[in-house]
Amino acid sequence: MYTVYMNTQQYTIRNVPSDVTRVLKKRAQRSNKSFNQVVVDALVEQTLHGAGSGSDKAGWLFGKHQLDAGFDEAIRRQSEIDEKLWQ
């Protein structure tokens, strides 16, 4: 996504967690974009198009939570037929 920003601001951001930096650097390498462009894209996505905008997108959610240990078993049980109900 290439976007031209007409009225731009310059920021200095401190105390960015090393995990965030590592992920952003990987994104920059994979997409052949500058680190700065990847950071700007992430800010735009989260503030204008993502969770911060009231949008119904859920991309911010993926990879953040783990399913309950009994989830697969509960889904499997839903496929079982109760013979008493089918008589």
PDB file of N, CA and C in Angstrom:
ATOM      1  N   MET A   1       0.854  -1.170   0.000  1.00  0.00           N
ATOM      2  CA  MET A   1       0.000   0.000   0.000  1.00  0.00           C
ATOM      3  C   MET A   1       0.896   1.228   0.000  1.00  0.00           C
ATOM      4  N   TYR A   2       0.797   2.027  -1.031  1.00  0.00           N
ATOM      5  CA  TYR A   2       1.577   3.252  -1.094  1.00  0.00           C
ATOM      6  C   TYR A   2       0.623   4.415  -0.912  1.00  0.00           C
ATOM      7  N   THR A   3       0.909   5.240   0.040  1.00  0.00           N
ATOM      8  CA  THR A   3       0.041   6.371   0.339  1.00  0.00           C
ATOM      9  C   THR A   3       0.890   7.629   0.417  1.00  0.00           C
ATOM     10  N   VAL A   4       0.380   8.684  -0.197  1.00  0.00           N
ATOM     11  CA  VAL A   4       1.062   9.974  -0.119  1.00  0.00           C
ATOM     12  C   VAL A   4       0.384  10.772   0.984  1.00  0.00           C
ATOM     13  N   TYR A   5       1.175  11.232   1.920  1.00  0.00           N
ATOM     14  CA  TYR A   5       0.647  12.003   3.037  1.00  0.00           C
ATOM     15  C   TYR A   5       0.929  13.480   2.782  1.00  0.00           C
ATOM     16  N   MET A   6      -0.127  14.261   2.639  1.00  0.00           N
ATOM     17  CA  MET A   6       0.038  15.677   2.325  1.00  0.00           C
ATOM     18  C   MET A   6       0.441  16.486   3.564  1.00  0.00           C
ATOM     19  N   ASN A   7      -0.296  16.352   4.623  1.00  0.00           N
ATOM     20  CA  ASN A   7       0.011  17.053   5.872  1.00  0.00           C
ATOM     21  C   ASN A   7       0.546  16.019   6.853  1.00  0.00           C
ATOM     22  N   THR A   8       1.845  15.968   6.991  1.00  0.00           N
ATOM     23  CA  THR A   8       2.431  14.938   7.840  1.00  0.00           C
ATOM     24  C   THR A   8       3.071  15.543   9.077  1.00  0.00           C
ATOM     25  N   GLN A   9       3.245  14.701  10.066  1.00  0.00           N
ATOM     26  CA  GLN A   9       3.902  15.078  11.303  1.00  0.00           C
ATOM     27  C   GLN A   9       5.086  14.152  11.504  1.00  0.00           C
ATOM     28  N   GLN A  10       6.071  14.632  12.191  1.00  0.00           N
ATOM     29  CA  GLN A  10       7.230  13.812  12.516  1.00  0.00           C
ATOM     30  C   GLN A  10       7.217  13.552  14.012  1.00  0.00           C
ATOM     31  N   TYR A  11       7.457  12.285  14.399  1.00  0.00           N
ATOM     32  CA  TYR A  11       7.414  11.894  15.801  1.00  0.00           C
ATOM     33  C   TYR A  11       8.722  11.244  16.228  1.00  0.00           C
ATOM     34  N   THR A  12       9.007  11.380  17.486  1.00  0.00           N
ATOM     35  CA  THR A  12      10.050  10.584  18.123  1.00  0.00           C
ATOM     36  C   THR A  12       9.330   9.728  19.147  1.00  0.00           C
ATOM     37  N   ILE A  13       9.446   8.420  18.996  1.00  0.00           N
ATOM     38  CA  ILE A  13       8.745   7.509  19.897  1.00  0.00           C
ATOM     39  C   ILE A  13       9.789   6.763  20.716  1.00  0.00           C
ATOM     40  N   ARG A  14       9.634   6.823  22.019  1.00  0.00           N
ATOM     41  CA  ARG A  14      10.589   6.188  22.920  1.00  0.00           C
ATOM     42  C   ARG A  14       9.966   4.985  23.613  1.00  0.00           C
ATOM     43  N   ASN A  15      10.830   4.146  24.154  1.00  0.00           N
ATOM     44  CA  ASN A  15      10.423   2.998  24.973  1.00  0.00           C
ATOM     45  C   ASN A  15       9.548   1.999  24.212  1.00  0.00           C
ATOM     46  N   VAL A  16       9.856   1.787  22.938  1.00  0.00           N
ATOM     47  CA  VAL A  16       9.144   0.792  22.142  1.00  0.00           C
ATOM     48  C   VAL A  16       9.670  -0.581  22.547  1.00  0.00           C
ATOM     49  N   PRO A  17       8.796  -1.511  22.913  1.00  0.00           N
ATOM     50  CA  PRO A  17       9.250  -2.848  23.322  1.00  0.00           C
ATOM     51  C   PRO A  17      10.035  -3.530  22.201  1.00  0.00           C
ATOM     52  N   SER A  18      11.043  -4.287  22.578  1.00  0.00           N
ATOM     53  CA  SER A  18      11.891  -4.942  21.580  1.00  0.00           C
ATOM     54  C   SER A  18      11.105  -5.926  20.723  1.00  0.00           C
ATOM     55  N   ASP A  19      10.065  -6.546  21.275  1.00  0.00           N
ATOM     56  CA  ASP A  19       9.224  -7.460  20.488  1.00  0.00           C
ATOM     57  C   ASP A  19       8.554  -6.718  19.336  1.00  0.00           C
ATOM     58  N   VAL A  20       8.079  -5.516  19.606  1.00  0.00           N
ATOM     59  CA  VAL A  20       7.418  -4.704  18.573  1.00  0.00           C
ATOM     60  C   VAL A  20       8.417  -4.328  17.495  1.00  0.00           C
ATOM     61  N   THR A  21       9.584  -3.906  17.898  1.00  0.00           N
ATOM     62  CA  THR A  21      10.627  -3.540  16.937  1.00  0.00           C
ATOM     63  C   THR A  21      10.978  -4.729  16.049  1.00  0.00           C
ATOM     64  N   ARG A  22      11.125  -5.896  16.642  1.00  0.00           N
ATOM     65  CA  ARG A  22      11.491  -7.099  15.891  1.00  0.00           C
ATOM     66  C   ARG A  22      10.421  -7.426  14.840  1.00  0.00           C
ATOM     67  N   VAL A  23       9.148  -7.371  15.223  1.00  0.00           N
ATOM     68  CA  VAL A  23       8.055  -7.673  14.295  1.00  0.00           C
ATOM     69  C   VAL A  23       8.023  -6.653  13.158  1.00  0.00           C
ATOM     70  N   LEU A  24       8.179  -5.381  13.489  1.00  0.00           N
ATOM     71  CA  LEU A  24       8.140  -4.342  12.458  1.00  0.00           C
ATOM     72  C   LEU A  24       9.312  -4.473  11.486  1.00  0.00           C
ATOM     73  N   LYS A  25      10.477  -4.817  12.002  1.00  0.00           N
ATOM     74  CA  LYS A  25      11.636  -5.007  11.118  1.00  0.00           C
ATOM     75  C   LYS A  25      11.426  -6.182  10.173  1.00  0.00           C
ATOM     76  N   LYS A  26      10.836  -7.269  10.679  1.00  0.00           N
ATOM     77  CA  LYS A  26      10.541  -8.417   9.822  1.00  0.00           C
ATOM     78  C   LYS A  26       9.544  -8.043   8.737  1.00  0.00           C
ATOM     79  N   ARG A  27       8.517  -7.275   9.115  1.00  0.00           N
ATOM     80  CA  ARG A  27       7.537  -6.819   8.113  1.00  0.00           C
ATOM     81  C   ARG A  27       8.207  -5.977   7.041  1.00  0.00           C
ATOM     82  N   ALA A  28       9.110  -5.113   7.449  1.00  0.00           N
ATOM     83  CA  ALA A  28       9.811  -4.247   6.496  1.00  0.00           C
ATOM     84  C   ALA A  28      10.627  -5.086   5.520  1.00  0.00           C
ATOM     85  N   GLN A  29      11.325  -6.087   6.039  1.00  0.00           N
ATOM     86  CA  GLN A  29      12.132  -6.949   5.174  1.00  0.00           C
ATOM     87  C   GLN A  29      11.262  -7.734   4.200  1.00  0.00           C
ATOM     88  N   ARG A  30      10.189  -8.326   4.721  1.00  0.00           N
ATOM     89  CA  ARG A  30       9.305  -9.142   3.867  1.00  0.00           C
ATOM     90  C   ARG A  30       8.634  -8.322   2.778  1.00  0.00           C
ATOM     91  N   SER A  31       8.285  -7.096   3.085  1.00  0.00           N
ATOM     92  CA  SER A  31       7.526  -6.270   2.132  1.00  0.00           C
ATOM     93  C   SER A  31       8.411  -5.357   1.293  1.00  0.00           C
ATOM     94  N   ASN A  32       9.728  -5.405   1.541  1.00  0.00           N
ATOM     95  CA  ASN A  32      10.661  -4.502   0.841  1.00  0.00           C
ATOM     96  C   ASN A  32      10.284  -3.034   1.019  1.00  0.00           C
ATOM     97  N   LYS A  33       9.819  -2.705   2.206  1.00  0.00           N
ATOM     98  CA  LYS A  33       9.500  -1.320   2.550  1.00  0.00           C
ATOM     99  C   LYS A  33      10.504  -0.845   3.584  1.00  0.00           C
ATOM    100  N   SER A  34      10.588   0.458   3.729  1.00  0.00           N
ATOM    101  CA  SER A  34      11.446   0.996   4.781  1.00  0.00           C
ATOM    102  C   SER A  34      10.797   0.736   6.135  1.00  0.00           C
ATOM    103  N   PHE A  35      11.631   0.705   7.159  1.00  0.00           N
ATOM    104  CA  PHE A  35      11.112   0.545   8.513  1.00  0.00           C
ATOM    105  C   PHE A  35      10.109   1.654   8.820  1.00  0.00           C
ATOM    106  N   ASN A  36      10.439   2.872   8.447  1.00  0.00           N
ATOM    107  CA  ASN A  36       9.555   4.004   8.684  1.00  0.00           C
ATOM    108  C   ASN A  36       8.188   3.790   8.022  1.00  0.00           C
ATOM    109  N   GLN A  37       8.185   3.318   6.768  1.00  0.00           N
ATOM    110  CA  GLN A  37       6.909   3.130   6.064  1.00  0.00           C
ATOM    111  C   GLN A  37       6.070   2.053   6.729  1.00  0.00           C
ATOM    112  N   VAL A  38       6.716   1.006   7.214  1.00  0.00           N
ATOM    113  CA  VAL A  38       5.989  -0.059   7.904  1.00  0.00           C
ATOM    114  C   VAL A  38       5.358   0.480   9.191  1.00  0.00           C
ATOM    115  N   VAL A  39       6.089   1.299   9.920  1.00  0.00           N
ATOM    116  CA  VAL A  39       5.548   1.892  11.150  1.00  0.00           C
ATOM    117  C   VAL A  39       4.366   2.805  10.822  1.00  0.00           C
ATOM    118  N   VAL A  40       4.512   3.634   9.799  1.00  0.00           N
ATOM    119  CA  VAL A  40       3.417   4.529   9.403  1.00  0.00           C
ATOM    120  C   VAL A  40       2.202   3.706   8.970  1.00  0.00           C
ATOM    121  N   ASP A  41       2.421   2.662   8.172  1.00  0.00           N
ATOM    122  CA  ASP A  41       1.306   1.810   7.735  1.00  0.00           C
ATOM    123  C   ASP A  41       0.592   1.182   8.927  1.00  0.00           C
ATOM    124  N   ALA A  42       1.358   0.720   9.918  1.00  0.00           N
ATOM    125  CA  ALA A  42       0.763   0.108  11.108  1.00  0.00           C
ATOM    126  C   ALA A  42      -0.061   1.134  11.890  1.00  0.00           C
ATOM    127  N   LEU A  43       0.455   2.336  12.017  1.00  0.00           N
ATOM    128  CA  LEU A  43      -0.298   3.391  12.715  1.00  0.00           C
ATOM    129  C   LEU A  43      -1.582   3.738  11.976  1.00  0.00           C
ATOM    130  N   VAL A  44      -1.502   3.865  10.662  1.00  0.00           N
ATOM    131  CA  VAL A  44      -2.690   4.171   9.855  1.00  0.00           C
ATOM    132  C   VAL A  44      -3.713   3.050   9.983  1.00  0.00           C
ATOM    133  N   GLU A  45      -3.246   1.803   9.857  1.00  0.00           N
ATOM    134  CA  GLU A  45      -4.163   0.658   9.928  1.00  0.00           C
ATOM    135  C   GLU A  45      -4.888   0.608  11.271  1.00  0.00           C
ATOM    136  N   GLN A  46      -4.171   0.810  12.359  1.00  0.00           N
ATOM    137  CA  GLN A  46      -4.779   0.703  13.680  1.00  0.00           C
ATOM    138  C   GLN A  46      -5.634   1.907  14.048  1.00  0.00           C
ATOM    139  N   THR A  47      -5.280   3.072  13.556  1.00  0.00           N
ATOM    140  CA  THR A  47      -6.043   4.252  13.956  1.00  0.00           C
ATOM    141  C   THR A  47      -7.189   4.577  13.008  1.00  0.00           C
ATOM    142  N   LEU A  48      -7.005   4.327  11.734  1.00  0.00           N
ATOM    143  CA  LEU A  48      -8.035   4.683  10.766  1.00  0.00           C
ATOM    144  C   LEU A  48      -8.856   3.499  10.277  1.00  0.00           C
ATOM    145  N   HIS A  49      -8.271   2.309  10.302  1.00  0.00           N
ATOM    146  CA  HIS A  49      -8.955   1.158   9.730  1.00  0.00           C
ATOM    147  C   HIS A  49      -9.131  -0.001  10.692  1.00  0.00           C
ATOM    148  N   GLY A  50      -8.504   0.044  11.836  1.00  0.00           N
ATOM    149  CA  GLY A  50      -8.482  -1.128  12.710  1.00  0.00           C
ATOM    150  C   GLY A  50      -9.258  -0.943  13.985  1.00  0.00           C
ATOM    151  N   ALA A  51      -8.761  -1.580  15.028  1.00  0.00           N
ATOM    152  CA  ALA A  51      -9.455  -1.634  16.313  1.00  0.00           C
ATOM    153  C   ALA A  51      -9.714  -0.261  16.903  1.00  0.00           C
ATOM    154  N   GLY A  52      -8.820   0.679  16.694  1.00  0.00           N
ATOM    155  CA  GLY A  52      -8.979   1.996  17.275  1.00  0.00           C
ATOM    156  C   GLY A  52     -10.038   2.851  16.614  1.00  0.00           C
ATOM    157  N   SER A  53     -10.547   2.411  15.443  1.00  0.00           N
ATOM    158  CA  SER A  53     -11.502   3.224  14.701  1.00  0.00           C
ATOM    159  C   SER A  53     -12.943   2.853  14.968  1.00  0.00           C
ATOM    160  N   GLY A  54     -13.174   1.814  15.761  1.00  0.00           N
ATOM    161  CA  GLY A  54     -14.533   1.349  15.986  1.00  0.00           C
ATOM    162  C   GLY A  54     -14.981   0.417  14.874  1.00  0.00           C
ATOM    163  N   SER A  55     -14.092   0.051  14.016  1.00  0.00           N
ATOM    164  CA  SER A  55     -14.383  -0.845  12.908  1.00  0.00           C
ATOM    165  C   SER A  55     -14.660  -2.243  13.440  1.00  0.00           C
ATOM    166  N   ASP A  56     -15.278  -3.077  12.594  1.00  0.00           N
ATOM    167  CA  ASP A  56     -15.548  -4.440  13.030  1.00  0.00           C
ATOM    168  C   ASP A  56     -14.413  -5.386  12.650  1.00  0.00           C
ATOM    169  N   LYS A  57     -13.299  -4.860  12.166  1.00  0.00           N
ATOM    170  CA  LYS A  57     -12.165  -5.722  11.840  1.00  0.00           C
ATOM    171  C   LYS A  57     -11.627  -6.343  13.117  1.00  0.00           C
ATOM    172  N   ALA A  58     -11.142  -7.547  12.984  1.00  0.00           N
ATOM    173  CA  ALA A  58     -10.624  -8.244  14.159  1.00  0.00           C
ATOM    174  C   ALA A  58      -9.185  -8.683  13.964  1.00  0.00           C
ATOM    175  N   GLY A  59      -8.490  -8.098  13.012  1.00  0.00           N
ATOM    176  CA  GLY A  59      -7.119  -8.479  12.752  1.00  0.00           C
ATOM    177  C   GLY A  59      -6.217  -8.322  13.964  1.00  0.00           C
ATOM    178  N   TRP A  60      -6.495  -7.355  14.798  1.00  0.00           N
ATOM    179  CA  TRP A  60      -5.685  -7.123  15.991  1.00  0.00           C
ATOM    180  C   TRP A  60      -5.808  -8.278  16.973  1.00  0.00           C
ATOM    181  N   LEU A  61      -6.860  -9.087  16.833  1.00  0.00           N
ATOM    182  CA  LEU A  61      -7.135 -10.143  17.792  1.00  0.00           C
ATOM    183  C   LEU A  61      -6.352 -11.417  17.511  1.00  0.00           C
ATOM    184  N   PHE A  62      -6.075 -11.716  16.247  1.00  0.00           N
ATOM    185  CA  PHE A  62      -5.456 -12.984  15.881  1.00  0.00           C
ATOM    186  C   PHE A  62      -4.070 -13.118  16.489  1.00  0.00           C
ATOM    187  N   GLY A  63      -3.816 -14.264  17.050  1.00  0.00           N
ATOM    188  CA  GLY A  63      -2.523 -14.543  17.646  1.00  0.00           C
ATOM    189  C   GLY A  63      -2.374 -14.016  19.063  1.00  0.00           C
ATOM    190  N   LYS A  64      -3.399 -13.394  19.587  1.00  0.00           N
ATOM    191  CA  LYS A  64      -3.306 -12.793  20.911  1.00  0.00           C
ATOM    192  C   LYS A  64      -3.870 -13.696  22.011  1.00  0.00           C
ATOM    193  N   HIS A  65      -4.761 -14.608  21.644  1.00  0.00           N
ATOM    194  CA  HIS A  65      -5.444 -15.402  22.651  1.00  0.00           C
ATOM    195  C   HIS A  65      -5.295 -16.883  22.336  1.00  0.00           C
ATOM    196  N   GLN A  66      -5.463 -17.716  23.339  1.00  0.00           N
ATOM    197  CA  GLN A  66      -5.433 -19.157  23.152  1.00  0.00           C
ATOM    198  C   GLN A  66      -6.807 -19.718  23.463  1.00  0.00           C
ATOM    199  N   LEU A  67      -7.179 -20.752  22.723  1.00  0.00           N
ATOM    200  CA  LEU A  67      -8.456 -21.397  22.974  1.00  0.00           C
ATOM    201  C   LEU A  67      -8.393 -22.176  24.271  1.00  0.00           C
ATOM    202  N   ASP A  68      -9.538 -22.324  24.887  1.00  0.00           N
ATOM    203  CA  ASP A  68      -9.662 -23.121  26.094  1.00  0.00           C
ATOM    204  C   ASP A  68      -9.229 -24.550  25.788  1.00  0.00           C
ATOM    205  N   ALA A  69      -8.609 -25.199  26.757  1.00  0.00           N
ATOM    206  CA  ALA A  69      -8.099 -26.561  26.563  1.00  0.00           C
ATOM    207  C   ALA A  69      -9.194 -27.529  26.146  1.00  0.00           C
ATOM    208  N   GLY A  70     -10.423 -27.334  26.573  1.00  0.00           N
ATOM    209  CA  GLY A  70     -11.526 -28.234  26.245  1.00  0.00           C
ATOM    210  C   GLY A  70     -12.280 -27.867  24.990  1.00  0.00           C
ATOM    211  N   PHE A  71     -11.807 -26.893  24.245  1.00  0.00           N
ATOM    212  CA  PHE A  71     -12.529 -26.401  23.068  1.00  0.00           C
ATOM    213  C   PHE A  71     -12.769 -27.499  22.033  1.00  0.00           C
ATOM    214  N   ASP A  72     -11.708 -28.213  21.642  1.00  0.00           N
ATOM    215  CA  ASP A  72     -11.854 -29.252  20.618  1.00  0.00           C
ATOM    216  C   ASP A  72     -12.815 -30.353  21.057  1.00  0.00           C
ATOM    217  N   GLU A  73     -12.750 -30.713  22.323  1.00  0.00           N
ATOM    218  CA  GLU A  73     -13.652 -31.742  22.840  1.00  0.00           C
ATOM    219  C   GLU A  73     -15.097 -31.244  22.812  1.00  0.00           C
ATOM    220  N   ALA A  74     -15.330 -30.016  23.171  1.00  0.00           N
ATOM    221  CA  ALA A  74     -16.685 -29.460  23.148  1.00  0.00           C
ATOM    222  C   ALA A  74     -17.237 -29.432  21.727  1.00  0.00           C
ATOM    223  N   ILE A  75     -16.416 -29.077  20.759  1.00  0.00           N
ATOM    224  CA  ILE A  75     -16.849 -29.060  19.360  1.00  0.00           C
ATOM    225  C   ILE A  75     -17.156 -30.492  18.900  1.00  0.00           C
ATOM    226  N   ARG A  76     -16.310 -31.443  19.265  1.00  0.00           N
ATOM    227  CA  ARG A  76     -16.543 -32.836  18.883  1.00  0.00           C
ATOM    228  C   ARG A  76     -17.871 -33.338  19.446  1.00  0.00           C
ATOM    229  N   ARG A  77     -18.156 -33.007  20.706  1.00  0.00           N
ATOM    230  CA  ARG A  77     -19.397 -33.465  21.342  1.00  0.00           C
ATOM    231  C   ARG A  77     -20.628 -32.888  20.655  1.00  0.00           C
ATOM    232  N   GLN A  78     -20.505 -31.735  20.053  1.00  0.00           N
ATOM    233  CA  GLN A  78     -21.652 -31.150  19.352  1.00  0.00           C
ATOM    234  C   GLN A  78     -22.059 -31.977  18.135  1.00  0.00           C
ATOM    235  N   SER A  79     -21.146 -32.773  17.616  1.00  0.00           N
ATOM    236  CA  SER A  79     -21.432 -33.605  16.446  1.00  0.00           C
ATOM    237  C   SER A  79     -22.025 -34.956  16.818  1.00  0.00           C
ATOM    238  N   GLU A  80     -22.052 -35.282  18.099  1.00  0.00           N
ATOM    239  CA  GLU A  80     -22.617 -36.557  18.539  1.00  0.00           C
ATOM    240  C   GLU A  80     -24.134 -36.506  18.473  1.00  0.00           C
ATOM    241  N   ILE A  81     -24.721 -37.614  18.089  1.00  0.00           N
ATOM    242  CA  ILE A  81     -26.178 -37.710  18.005  1.00  0.00           C
ATOM    243  C   ILE A  81     -26.705 -38.359  19.279  1.00  0.00           C
ATOM    244  N   ASP A  82     -27.666 -37.726  19.894  1.00  0.00           N
ATOM    245  CA  ASP A  82     -28.303 -38.272  21.085  1.00  0.00           C
ATOM    246  C   ASP A  82     -29.459 -39.150  20.593  1.00  0.00           C
ATOM    247  N   GLU A  83     -29.289 -40.467  20.715  1.00  0.00           N
ATOM    248  CA  GLU A  83     -30.266 -41.405  20.193  1.00  0.00           C
ATOM    249  C   GLU A  83     -31.653 -41.215  20.807  1.00  0.00           C
ATOM    250  N   LYS A  84     -31.733 -40.815  22.062  1.00  0.00           N
ATOM    251  CA  LYS A  84     -33.040 -40.615  22.714  1.00  0.00           C
ATOM    252  C   LYS A  84     -33.820 -39.496  22.052  1.00  0.00           C
ATOM    253  N   LEU A  85     -33.116 -38.470  21.602  1.00  0.00           N
ATOM    254  CA  LEU A  85     -33.801 -37.353  20.958  1.00  0.00           C
ATOM    255  C   LEU A  85     -34.269 -37.692  19.546  1.00  0.00           C
ATOM    256  N   TRP A  86     -33.697 -38.692  18.940  1.00  0.00           N
ATOM    257  CA  TRP A  86     -34.012 -39.047  17.562  1.00  0.00           C
ATOM    258  C   TRP A  86     -35.005 -40.201  17.481  1.00  0.00           C
ATOM    259  N   GLN A  87     -35.648 -40.588  18.567  1.00  0.00           N
ATOM    260  CA  GLN A  87     -36.634 -41.676  18.520  1.00  0.00           C
ATOM    261  C   GLN A  87     -38.016 -41.137  18.316  1.00  0.00           C
TER     262      GLN A  87
END
